[in-house]
């Protein structure tokens, strides 16, 4: 199977919350990219693909919160794939730094940022 990902994901496990229809559901962030995230599936979370939600998580040993508006892309037995469709400037700055530290490839990160900027301008 061909990998169609345009954005590198980094493994990053931390507690998170997904907010759907004004209800917060606890979950675990499994990995993250500039364009989305993979979270554990929580039993109470009932949603369909293409549903809008908000993903929030705090960076460990800090008070920095990353918050992104997401669309549910796929729901599997143990996890949910989310695609980011909006993120504020502070969150994207911290997310960029998190990925930069874990990716160890500045050139790849800058290419992905350019693709992300190009996508939002279309």
C-alpha atoms as a PDB file:
ATOM      1  CA  UNK A   1       0.000   0.000   0.000  1.00  0.00           C
ATOM      2  CA  UNK A   2       1.368   3.384  -0.998  1.00  0.00           C
ATOM      3  CA  UNK A   3       1.797   6.029   1.703  1.00  0.00           C
ATOM      4  CA  UNK A   4      -0.044   9.139   0.487  1.00  0.00           C
ATOM      5  CA  UNK A   5       0.884  11.351   3.453  1.00  0.00           C
ATOM      6  CA  UNK A   6       2.176  14.789   2.599  1.00  0.00           C
ATOM      7  CA  UNK A   7       2.987  15.708   6.207  1.00  0.00           C
ATOM      8  CA  UNK A   8       5.362  13.844   8.511  1.00  0.00           C
ATOM      9  CA  UNK A   9       3.844  12.486  11.673  1.00  0.00           C
ATOM     10  CA  UNK A  10       5.794  12.276  14.881  1.00  0.00           C
ATOM     11  CA  UNK A  11       4.981   9.858  17.651  1.00  0.00           C
ATOM     12  CA  UNK A  12       3.857  11.907  20.594  1.00  0.00           C
ATOM     13  CA  UNK A  13       1.841  10.357  23.382  1.00  0.00           C
ATOM     14  CA  UNK A  14       0.078  12.626  25.852  1.00  0.00           C
ATOM     15  CA  UNK A  15      -3.349  13.109  27.397  1.00  0.00           C
ATOM     16  CA  UNK A  16      -5.767  15.088  25.251  1.00  0.00           C
ATOM     17  CA  UNK A  17      -9.404  16.026  24.937  1.00  0.00           C
ATOM     18  CA  UNK A  18     -11.614  15.958  21.895  1.00  0.00           C
ATOM     19  CA  UNK A  19     -14.606  18.298  22.049  1.00  0.00           C
ATOM     20  CA  UNK A  20     -17.647  17.350  20.018  1.00  0.00           C
ATOM     21  CA  UNK A  21     -21.143  18.865  20.360  1.00  0.00           C
ATOM     22  CA  UNK A  22     -20.106  20.786  23.499  1.00  0.00           C
ATOM     23  CA  UNK A  23     -18.972  17.586  25.277  1.00  0.00           C
ATOM     24  CA  UNK A  24     -15.355  16.859  26.221  1.00  0.00           C
ATOM     25  CA  UNK A  25     -14.044  13.343  25.791  1.00  0.00           C
ATOM     26  CA  UNK A  26     -10.683  12.295  27.251  1.00  0.00           C
ATOM     27  CA  UNK A  27      -8.314  10.518  24.898  1.00  0.00           C
ATOM     28  CA  UNK A  28      -4.601   9.958  24.266  1.00  0.00           C
ATOM     29  CA  UNK A  29      -2.740  11.666  21.486  1.00  0.00           C
ATOM     30  CA  UNK A  30      -0.776   8.990  19.608  1.00  0.00           C
ATOM     31  CA  UNK A  31       0.900  11.021  16.881  1.00  0.00           C
ATOM     32  CA  UNK A  32       0.659  14.469  15.402  1.00  0.00           C
ATOM     33  CA  UNK A  33       1.576  16.372  12.243  1.00  0.00           C
ATOM     34  CA  UNK A  34       1.099  19.896  10.941  1.00  0.00           C
ATOM     35  CA  UNK A  35      -2.044  18.659   9.229  1.00  0.00           C
ATOM     36  CA  UNK A  36      -3.688  16.340  11.748  1.00  0.00           C
ATOM     37  CA  UNK A  37      -3.452  13.834  14.551  1.00  0.00           C
ATOM     38  CA  UNK A  38      -4.201  10.289  15.587  1.00  0.00           C
ATOM     39  CA  UNK A  39      -5.936   9.769  18.932  1.00  0.00           C
ATOM     40  CA  UNK A  40      -7.182   6.793  20.893  1.00  0.00           C
ATOM     41  CA  UNK A  41     -10.841   6.040  20.544  1.00  0.00           C
ATOM     42  CA  UNK A  42     -12.871   6.712  23.671  1.00  0.00           C
ATOM     43  CA  UNK A  43     -16.027   4.657  24.113  1.00  0.00           C
ATOM     44  CA  UNK A  44     -18.244   7.634  24.951  1.00  0.00           C
ATOM     45  CA  UNK A  45     -17.274   9.548  21.786  1.00  0.00           C
ATOM     46  CA  UNK A  46     -19.975   8.992  19.177  1.00  0.00           C
ATOM     47  CA  UNK A  47     -19.281  10.697  15.887  1.00  0.00           C
ATOM     48  CA  UNK A  48     -19.196  10.050  12.184  1.00  0.00           C
ATOM     49  CA  UNK A  49     -16.514  10.786   9.660  1.00  0.00           C
ATOM     50  CA  UNK A  50     -16.592  14.358   8.350  1.00  0.00           C
ATOM     51  CA  UNK A  51     -17.809  15.614  11.761  1.00  0.00           C
ATOM     52  CA  UNK A  52     -16.191  18.759  13.154  1.00  0.00           C
ATOM     53  CA  UNK A  53     -14.492  18.660  16.547  1.00  0.00           C
ATOM     54  CA  UNK A  54     -11.768  20.400  18.544  1.00  0.00           C
ATOM     55  CA  UNK A  55      -8.607  18.661  19.721  1.00  0.00           C
ATOM     56  CA  UNK A  56      -6.777  20.094  22.741  1.00  0.00           C
ATOM     57  CA  UNK A  57      -3.651  18.943  24.528  1.00  0.00           C
ATOM     58  CA  UNK A  58      -1.095  20.444  26.889  1.00  0.00           C
ATOM     59  CA  UNK A  59       2.594  20.001  26.216  1.00  0.00           C
ATOM     60  CA  UNK A  60       4.139  17.952  29.060  1.00  0.00           C
ATOM     61  CA  UNK A  61       5.996  19.865  31.786  1.00  0.00           C
ATOM     62  CA  UNK A  62       4.436  23.133  30.628  1.00  0.00           C
ATOM     63  CA  UNK A  63       1.218  25.079  30.532  1.00  0.00           C
ATOM     64  CA  UNK A  64       1.279  25.391  26.739  1.00  0.00           C
ATOM     65  CA  UNK A  65      -1.964  24.290  25.134  1.00  0.00           C
ATOM     66  CA  UNK A  66      -2.244  23.325  21.488  1.00  0.00           C
ATOM     67  CA  UNK A  67      -5.764  23.581  20.150  1.00  0.00           C
ATOM     68  CA  UNK A  68      -6.893  22.732  16.638  1.00  0.00           C
ATOM     69  CA  UNK A  69     -10.225  22.564  14.883  1.00  0.00           C
ATOM     70  CA  UNK A  70     -10.401  19.183  13.207  1.00  0.00           C
ATOM     71  CA  UNK A  71     -12.523  16.977  10.991  1.00  0.00           C
ATOM     72  CA  UNK A  72     -12.907  13.290  11.818  1.00  0.00           C
ATOM     73  CA  UNK A  73     -11.350  11.473   8.833  1.00  0.00           C
ATOM     74  CA  UNK A  74     -11.531   7.853   9.917  1.00  0.00           C
ATOM     75  CA  UNK A  75     -12.666   5.860  12.912  1.00  0.00           C
ATOM     76  CA  UNK A  76     -11.026   2.498  13.574  1.00  0.00           C
ATOM     77  CA  UNK A  77     -11.448  -0.011  16.406  1.00  0.00           C
ATOM     78  CA  UNK A  78      -8.773   1.588  18.605  1.00  0.00           C
ATOM     79  CA  UNK A  79      -8.091   5.022  17.150  1.00  0.00           C
ATOM     80  CA  UNK A  80      -9.517   8.046  15.347  1.00  0.00           C
ATOM     81  CA  UNK A  81      -7.775   9.986  12.580  1.00  0.00           C
ATOM     82  CA  UNK A  82      -8.260  13.750  12.604  1.00  0.00           C
ATOM     83  CA  UNK A  83      -7.472  16.325   9.919  1.00  0.00           C
ATOM     84  CA  UNK A  84      -6.756  19.877  11.031  1.00  0.00           C
ATOM     85  CA  UNK A  85      -8.747  22.534   9.184  1.00  0.00           C
ATOM     86  CA  UNK A  86      -7.908  25.498  11.454  1.00  0.00           C
ATOM     87  CA  UNK A  87      -5.274  26.262  14.063  1.00  0.00           C
ATOM     88  CA  UNK A  88      -4.427  29.567  15.718  1.00  0.00           C
ATOM     89  CA  UNK A  89      -1.014  31.200  15.320  1.00  0.00           C
ATOM     90  CA  UNK A  90       0.195  30.357  18.838  1.00  0.00           C
ATOM     91  CA  UNK A  91      -0.773  26.696  18.524  1.00  0.00           C
ATOM     92  CA  UNK A  92       0.843  26.283  15.097  1.00  0.00           C
ATOM     93  CA  UNK A  93       4.018  27.937  16.410  1.00  0.00           C
ATOM     94  CA  UNK A  94       4.281  25.456  19.288  1.00  0.00           C
ATOM     95  CA  UNK A  95       3.255  22.535  17.083  1.00  0.00           C
ATOM     96  CA  UNK A  96       5.916  23.485  14.532  1.00  0.00           C
ATOM     97  CA  UNK A  97       8.541  23.544  17.278  1.00  0.00           C
ATOM     98  CA  UNK A  98       7.374  20.177  18.642  1.00  0.00           C
ATOM     99  CA  UNK A  99       7.627  18.583  15.210  1.00  0.00           C
ATOM    100  CA  UNK A 100      10.938  20.310  14.518  1.00  0.00           C
ATOM    101  CA  UNK A 101      12.452  18.830  17.688  1.00  0.00           C
ATOM    102  CA  UNK A 102      11.174  15.339  16.902  1.00  0.00           C
ATOM    103  CA  UNK A 103      11.712  15.290  13.138  1.00  0.00           C
ATOM    104  CA  UNK A 104      15.372  16.339  13.083  1.00  0.00           C
ATOM    105  CA  UNK A 105      15.060  17.395   9.431  1.00  0.00           C
ATOM    106  CA  UNK A 106      14.720  21.170   9.031  1.00  0.00           C
ATOM    107  CA  UNK A 107      14.481  21.023   5.235  1.00  0.00           C
ATOM    108  CA  UNK A 108      11.578  18.558   5.351  1.00  0.00           C
ATOM    109  CA  UNK A 109       9.783  20.682   7.947  1.00  0.00           C
ATOM    110  CA  UNK A 110      10.130  23.839   5.848  1.00  0.00           C
ATOM    111  CA  UNK A 111       8.797  22.013   2.763  1.00  0.00           C
ATOM    112  CA  UNK A 112       5.781  20.843   4.771  1.00  0.00           C
ATOM    113  CA  UNK A 113       5.144  24.360   6.108  1.00  0.00           C
ATOM    114  CA  UNK A 114       5.230  25.699   2.556  1.00  0.00           C
ATOM    115  CA  UNK A 115       2.707  23.022   1.483  1.00  0.00           C
ATOM    116  CA  UNK A 116       0.468  23.891   4.447  1.00  0.00           C
ATOM    117  CA  UNK A 117       0.555  27.609   3.597  1.00  0.00           C
ATOM    118  CA  UNK A 118      -0.163  26.833  -0.072  1.00  0.00           C
ATOM    119  CA  UNK A 119      -3.165  24.635   0.914  1.00  0.00           C
ATOM    120  CA  UNK A 120      -4.730  27.394   3.034  1.00  0.00           C
ATOM    121  CA  UNK A 121      -4.429  29.980   0.254  1.00  0.00           C
ATOM    122  CA  UNK A 122      -6.376  27.933  -2.276  1.00  0.00           C
END
